[in-house]
Amino acid sequence: MSNNLGILDRTLRIASGMLLVSLAAAGTVESWGYLGTLGLLTGVIGACPIYSMLGLDTRWHHMQARPPRLW
C-alpha cells in the first residue's frame, strides 16, 4: 500500500488518535475510545486503506502534479 496521506491529514489522525486512546485509558470515555488506535496507526504509517479503495490522496506533491483545469 502506498502513502496517500498528506502532512495535515497525518497530524490530525495522530493527534486525535492519541487523544482518544488517552481518554479511554483514563476511563473518561468507554472502550470505543480505543478505536483511536486506527487513526494513530494510519497516521504513523501514512497510508489509509479506505482512501486507497476510494482513490483519494491528500499528499501535496500529488495535488501539484496535475495542471489546473480552467474550462
C-alpha atoms as a PDB file:
ATOM      1  CA  MET A   1       0.000   0.000   0.000  1.00  0.00           C
ATOM      2  CA  SER A   2       1.466   3.364  -0.990  1.00  0.00           C
ATOM      3  CA  ASN A   3       1.364   6.530   1.082  1.00  0.00           C
ATOM      4  CA  ASN A   4      -1.750   8.559   0.437  1.00  0.00           C
ATOM      5  CA  LEU A   5      -1.950  10.886   3.448  1.00  0.00           C
ATOM      6  CA  GLY A   6      -0.705  14.457   3.477  1.00  0.00           C
ATOM      7  CA  ILE A   7       1.080  16.037   6.440  1.00  0.00           C
ATOM      8  CA  LEU A   8      -2.029  17.796   7.790  1.00  0.00           C
ATOM      9  CA  ASP A   9      -4.103  14.626   7.482  1.00  0.00           C
ATOM     10  CA  ARG A  10      -1.394  12.586   9.238  1.00  0.00           C
ATOM     11  CA  THR A  11      -1.019  15.166  12.018  1.00  0.00           C
ATOM     12  CA  LEU A  12      -4.759  15.293  12.701  1.00  0.00           C
ATOM     13  CA  ARG A  13      -5.037  11.495  12.729  1.00  0.00           C
ATOM     14  CA  ILE A  14      -2.112  11.111  15.141  1.00  0.00           C
ATOM     15  CA  ALA A  15      -3.344  13.867  17.478  1.00  0.00           C
ATOM     16  CA  SER A  16      -6.953  12.678  17.575  1.00  0.00           C
ATOM     17  CA  GLY A  17      -5.856   9.048  17.932  1.00  0.00           C
ATOM     18  CA  MET A  18      -3.607   9.877  20.869  1.00  0.00           C
ATOM     19  CA  LEU A  19      -6.382  11.907  22.480  1.00  0.00           C
ATOM     20  CA  LEU A  20      -8.982   9.144  22.134  1.00  0.00           C
ATOM     21  CA  VAL A  21      -6.648   6.424  23.408  1.00  0.00           C
ATOM     22  CA  SER A  22      -5.565   8.519  26.390  1.00  0.00           C
ATOM     23  CA  LEU A  23      -9.184   9.344  27.265  1.00  0.00           C
ATOM     24  CA  ALA A  24     -10.120   5.661  27.036  1.00  0.00           C
ATOM     25  CA  ALA A  25      -7.148   4.661  29.191  1.00  0.00           C
ATOM     26  CA  ALA A  26      -8.123   7.259  31.793  1.00  0.00           C
ATOM     27  CA  GLY A  27     -11.705   5.986  31.832  1.00  0.00           C
ATOM     28  CA  THR A  28     -13.196   9.265  30.637  1.00  0.00           C
ATOM     29  CA  VAL A  29     -14.753   7.595  27.595  1.00  0.00           C
ATOM     30  CA  GLU A  30     -15.791   3.997  27.205  1.00  0.00           C
ATOM     31  CA  SER A  31     -13.873   1.335  25.347  1.00  0.00           C
ATOM     32  CA  TRP A  32     -14.852   2.789  21.938  1.00  0.00           C
ATOM     33  CA  GLY A  33     -12.081   5.317  22.567  1.00  0.00           C
ATOM     34  CA  TYR A  34      -9.552   2.619  21.742  1.00  0.00           C
ATOM     35  CA  LEU A  35     -10.679   2.952  18.117  1.00  0.00           C
ATOM     36  CA  GLY A  36      -8.295   5.887  18.148  1.00  0.00           C
ATOM     37  CA  THR A  37      -5.527   3.350  17.596  1.00  0.00           C
ATOM     38  CA  LEU A  38      -6.752   3.027  13.998  1.00  0.00           C
ATOM     39  CA  GLY A  39      -6.269   6.730  13.363  1.00  0.00           C
ATOM     40  CA  LEU A  40      -2.959   6.647  15.193  1.00  0.00           C
ATOM     41  CA  LEU A  41      -1.757   3.690  13.135  1.00  0.00           C
ATOM     42  CA  THR A  42      -2.799   5.116   9.766  1.00  0.00           C
ATOM     43  CA  GLY A  43      -1.256   8.469  10.668  1.00  0.00           C
ATOM     44  CA  VAL A  44       2.086   6.938  11.626  1.00  0.00           C
ATOM     45  CA  ILE A  45       2.193   4.680   8.559  1.00  0.00           C
ATOM     46  CA  GLY A  46       0.947   7.425   6.226  1.00  0.00           C
ATOM     47  CA  ALA A  47      -1.466   5.194   4.353  1.00  0.00           C
ATOM     48  CA  CYS A  48      -5.212   4.729   4.689  1.00  0.00           C
ATOM     49  CA  PRO A  49      -6.831   1.638   3.150  1.00  0.00           C
ATOM     50  CA  ILE A  50     -10.183   3.389   2.803  1.00  0.00           C
ATOM     51  CA  TYR A  51      -8.559   6.251   0.880  1.00  0.00           C
ATOM     52  CA  SER A  52      -6.922   3.655  -1.377  1.00  0.00           C
ATOM     53  CA  MET A  53     -10.260   1.980  -2.110  1.00  0.00           C
ATOM     54  CA  LEU A  54     -11.849   5.338  -2.916  1.00  0.00           C
ATOM     55  CA  GLY A  55      -8.878   6.589  -4.941  1.00  0.00           C
ATOM     56  CA  LEU A  56      -8.222   9.546  -2.619  1.00  0.00           C
ATOM     57  CA  ASP A  57      -4.813  11.100  -1.980  1.00  0.00           C
ATOM     58  CA  THR A  58      -4.143  14.122   0.243  1.00  0.00           C
ATOM     59  CA  ARG A  59      -0.407  14.480  -0.364  1.00  0.00           C
ATOM     60  CA  TRP A  60       0.582  17.976  -1.500  1.00  0.00           C
ATOM     61  CA  HIS A  61       3.014  16.931  -4.234  1.00  0.00           C
ATOM     62  CA  HIS A  62       0.351  14.674  -5.688  1.00  0.00           C
ATOM     63  CA  MET A  63      -2.044  17.596  -6.000  1.00  0.00           C
ATOM     64  CA  GLN A  64       0.615  19.843  -7.572  1.00  0.00           C
ATOM     65  CA  ALA A  65       1.373  17.306 -10.295  1.00  0.00           C
ATOM     66  CA  ARG A  66      -1.932  17.963 -12.052  1.00  0.00           C
ATOM     67  CA  PRO A  67      -2.367  21.162 -14.053  1.00  0.00           C
ATOM     68  CA  PRO A  68      -5.408  23.221 -13.095  1.00  0.00           C
ATOM     69  CA  ARG A  69      -8.442  22.886 -15.311  1.00  0.00           C
ATOM     70  CA  LEU A  70      -9.719  26.228 -16.439  1.00  0.00           C
ATOM     71  CA  TRP A  71     -12.683  25.086 -18.525  1.00  0.00           C
END
